Each structure stands twice: as structure tokens, then as C-alpha cells.
Amino acid sequence: MGKLLNKLRIKFPKGWKDISAENPEGPPTFLNVLIENSGVLQISTADFLAGSSPNPSLADLVDLSRTVGLKNEFGSPQNEDSGNCEFGTFGCVQFSGSEFPHISVWHLSDGKNFVFATFICTELPDREHINEVKSIVISIKRKSFFESLFK
């Protein structure tokens, strides 16, 4: 899963494969090999180092996701979602554009640290696939201190 995600535990359903080696300069990348044109899920982290805790609200996390999508010209915002997850809280905005009919942008936070994820599809995924990706992203959590010692 790469060094960037060594501190995290992520639950992937059957069929998901780590393809990060295909893009060694990019973030950890995953796809479902059981689905043709699965789209790719990319996950990265930003750890809190110093200063005052960011402690973002749900609205802040949605705003971060919207800003990233608009700045990168992912298309028009279609749906927004936010709530609790294993990491803490999340905000997500789904975009649709001419090049990519579906891109979901996620920001998760535990009040200090962040996880950033994108799900990018060249074809419009069905609702089941979108829900599967959501279940993966909201399953992300920090490994316990003891788990970190042994992995």
C-alpha cells in the first residue's frame, strides 16, 4: 500500500488491487479489477505537525473538496455529502465533466490530520460502485499504536 498509507487501515472489498507501482511518482492508487473501466481511487495523507489544530467542520471539509475540484476543473459539482467516518469526519463533492463523467473528491479529518481521496472515472459508474468506493473511504482509520509497531 506504500509508505504514505502505512499508518492507516483501509477495508477493501474483493477485487480491489493496489496499482501504485504503475505510477511510482503518484499517490497510492487502487482499482477494482472485477469491473471494466472501474475508475481509480487515489489516497494520500497530510499529518498535523505544529500550530493550532485545524479542527475543520463538516462544511469546511465539503468546501475543501469543492475548492479542489473547481481549481482542477473537474467539472460541475453534482452532489455533496458529509458525516462521520472511522477516521473522524468527512466531506465529499462529486463532479461531472466532459473528460471525466465522475470524480469524487474526499477530505477526511480527525481534527488535526487529513486524508485526501479522489475517485476518477472515464465512464459513469453505477450507484453500487459509487457506494462501494464510499464504504472504502469511510472505512479508513489510523492503525493503533500496537498495530504500527508490528507492520
Protein backbone atom coordinates (compact mmCIF):
# COMPACT_ATOMS: atom_id res chain seq x y z
CA MET A 1 0.00 0.00 0.00
CA GLY A 2 3.03 2.26 0.03
CA LYS A 3 4.78 4.16 2.76
CA LEU A 4 2.30 7.04 2.61
CA LEU A 5 -0.50 4.87 3.94
CA ASN A 6 1.43 2.69 6.41
CA LYS A 7 -0.29 4.40 9.34
CA LEU A 8 -3.77 3.62 8.03
CA ARG A 9 -6.07 0.62 7.91
CA ILE A 10 -8.37 0.53 4.87
CA LYS A 11 -11.02 -2.12 4.20
CA PHE A 12 -11.11 -3.07 0.53
CA PRO A 13 -13.85 -5.38 -0.76
CA LYS A 14 -13.00 -8.32 -3.01
CA GLY A 15 -11.49 -7.34 -6.36
CA TRP A 16 -9.65 -4.20 -5.31
CA LYS A 17 -5.98 -4.10 -6.24
CA ASP A 18 -3.13 -1.74 -5.39
CA ILE A 19 -1.72 -0.46 -8.70
CA SER A 20 0.55 2.21 -7.20
CA ALA A 21 3.65 0.63 -8.79
CA GLU A 22 2.30 1.64 -12.21
CA ASN A 23 2.67 5.31 -11.22
CA PRO A 24 5.56 5.44 -8.70
CA GLU A 25 5.59 9.25 -8.59
CA GLY A 26 1.85 9.45 -7.84
CA PRO A 27 -0.23 8.80 -4.76
CA PRO A 28 -1.24 5.28 -3.70
CA THR A 29 -3.74 4.13 -6.33
CA PHE A 30 -6.34 1.35 -6.34
CA LEU A 31 -8.93 -0.09 -8.72
CA ASN A 32 -11.48 -2.86 -8.79
CA VAL A 33 -10.17 -5.46 -11.26
CA LEU A 34 -13.60 -7.13 -11.35
CA ILE A 35 -15.18 -4.08 -13.02
CA GLU A 36 -14.30 -2.98 -16.53
CA ASN A 37 -13.43 0.74 -16.52
CA SER A 38 -13.51 0.69 -12.72
CA GLY A 39 -12.07 4.13 -12.24
CA VAL A 40 -9.16 4.73 -9.88
CA LEU A 41 -9.17 5.57 -6.21
CA GLN A 42 -6.18 7.59 -5.03
CA ILE A 43 -5.49 8.24 -1.34
CA SER A 44 -2.95 10.46 0.38
CA THR A 45 -2.42 11.95 3.83
CA ALA A 46 -1.37 15.19 5.50
CA ASP A 47 -0.23 14.92 9.11
CA PHE A 48 -0.57 17.75 11.63
CA LEU A 49 2.88 18.98 12.62
CA ALA A 50 2.52 22.17 14.67
CA GLY A 51 0.41 25.22 15.40
CA SER A 52 -3.23 25.38 16.33
CA SER A 53 -5.40 22.38 15.48
CA PRO A 54 -7.36 22.93 12.25
CA ASN A 55 -10.44 21.13 13.69
CA PRO A 56 -12.46 21.50 10.45
CA SER A 57 -16.25 21.36 10.49
CA LEU A 58 -18.23 19.18 8.07
CA ALA A 59 -18.86 22.30 5.98
CA ASP A 60 -15.11 23.05 5.94
CA LEU A 61 -14.37 19.55 4.60
CA VAL A 62 -17.02 19.89 1.88
CA ASP A 63 -15.63 23.33 1.00
CA LEU A 64 -12.10 21.88 0.72
CA SER A 65 -13.38 19.17 -1.62
CA ARG A 66 -15.35 21.66 -3.72
CA THR A 67 -12.36 24.01 -3.95
CA VAL A 68 -10.01 21.23 -5.10
CA GLY A 69 -12.50 20.09 -7.75
CA LEU A 70 -13.15 23.57 -9.09
CA LYS A 71 -9.46 24.56 -9.02
CA ASN A 72 -8.57 21.43 -11.01
CA GLU A 73 -11.52 21.92 -13.40
CA PHE A 74 -13.09 18.55 -12.63
CA GLY A 75 -16.43 19.77 -13.97
CA SER A 76 -19.67 20.85 -12.34
CA PRO A 77 -20.39 19.92 -8.72
CA GLN A 78 -23.23 17.36 -8.69
CA ASN A 79 -23.64 16.08 -5.14
CA GLU A 80 -22.25 16.86 -1.70
CA ASP A 81 -22.02 14.53 1.27
CA SER A 82 -20.56 14.76 4.76
CA GLY A 83 -20.71 12.95 8.07
CA ASN A 84 -18.86 10.72 10.46
CA CYS A 85 -16.36 8.08 9.38
CA GLU A 86 -13.81 5.77 11.01
CA PHE A 87 -11.10 8.46 10.72
CA GLY A 88 -13.35 11.14 12.27
CA THR A 89 -15.42 13.21 9.83
CA PHE A 90 -15.57 13.58 6.05
CA GLY A 91 -16.72 15.91 3.32
CA CYS A 92 -17.18 14.87 -0.29
CA VAL A 93 -18.18 16.56 -3.53
CA GLN A 94 -18.91 14.68 -6.74
CA PHE A 95 -18.15 16.36 -10.06
CA SER A 96 -19.08 15.66 -13.66
CA GLY A 97 -17.18 16.98 -16.64
CA SER A 98 -16.63 16.28 -20.30
CA GLU A 99 -13.34 14.42 -19.82
CA PHE A 100 -14.35 12.56 -16.65
CA PRO A 101 -18.08 11.98 -16.13
CA HIS A 102 -17.49 11.20 -12.44
CA ILE A 103 -14.89 12.43 -9.97
CA SER A 104 -15.45 12.25 -6.22
CA VAL A 105 -13.20 14.40 -4.04
CA TRP A 106 -12.97 13.48 -0.36
CA HIS A 107 -11.40 15.14 2.67
CA LEU A 108 -11.35 13.27 5.98
CA SER A 109 -10.09 14.68 9.26
CA ASP A 110 -9.62 13.62 12.86
CA GLY A 111 -9.46 17.28 13.87
CA LYS A 112 -5.72 17.54 13.24
CA ASN A 113 -4.68 15.18 10.42
CA PHE A 114 -6.20 14.81 6.98
CA VAL A 115 -6.80 12.10 4.40
CA PHE A 116 -7.43 13.19 0.82
CA ALA A 117 -9.01 10.82 -1.71
CA THR A 118 -10.20 11.06 -5.28
CA PHE A 119 -12.20 8.56 -7.31
CA ILE A 120 -11.78 9.31 -11.02
CA CYS A 121 -13.80 7.57 -13.74
CA THR A 122 -13.66 7.78 -17.51
CA GLU A 123 -17.16 6.26 -17.66
CA LEU A 124 -20.11 6.99 -15.39
CA PRO A 125 -20.08 4.37 -12.60
CA ASP A 126 -23.30 2.82 -11.33
CA ARG A 127 -24.65 3.68 -7.87
CA GLU A 128 -23.40 0.37 -6.42
CA HIS A 129 -19.82 1.12 -7.45
CA ILE A 130 -20.01 4.68 -6.06
CA ASN A 131 -21.36 3.28 -2.77
CA GLU A 132 -18.56 0.70 -2.67
CA VAL A 133 -15.97 3.46 -3.01
CA LYS A 134 -17.69 5.43 -0.26
CA SER A 135 -17.55 2.37 2.01
CA ILE A 136 -13.79 2.09 1.35
CA VAL A 137 -13.12 5.75 2.06
CA ILE A 138 -15.20 5.94 5.24
CA SER A 139 -13.52 2.73 6.49
CA ILE A 140 -10.12 4.47 6.59
CA LYS A 141 -8.78 4.77 10.10
CA ARG A 142 -5.49 5.14 11.88
CA LYS A 143 -3.79 1.95 12.96
CA SER A 144 -3.46 1.56 16.69
CA PHE A 145 -0.07 2.14 18.30
CA PHE A 146 0.45 -1.62 18.61
CA GLU A 147 -0.50 -2.32 15.00
CA SER A 148 2.00 0.29 13.89
CA LEU A 149 4.79 -1.46 15.81
CA PHE A 150 4.29 -4.76 14.00
CA LYS A 151 3.74 -3.58 10.42
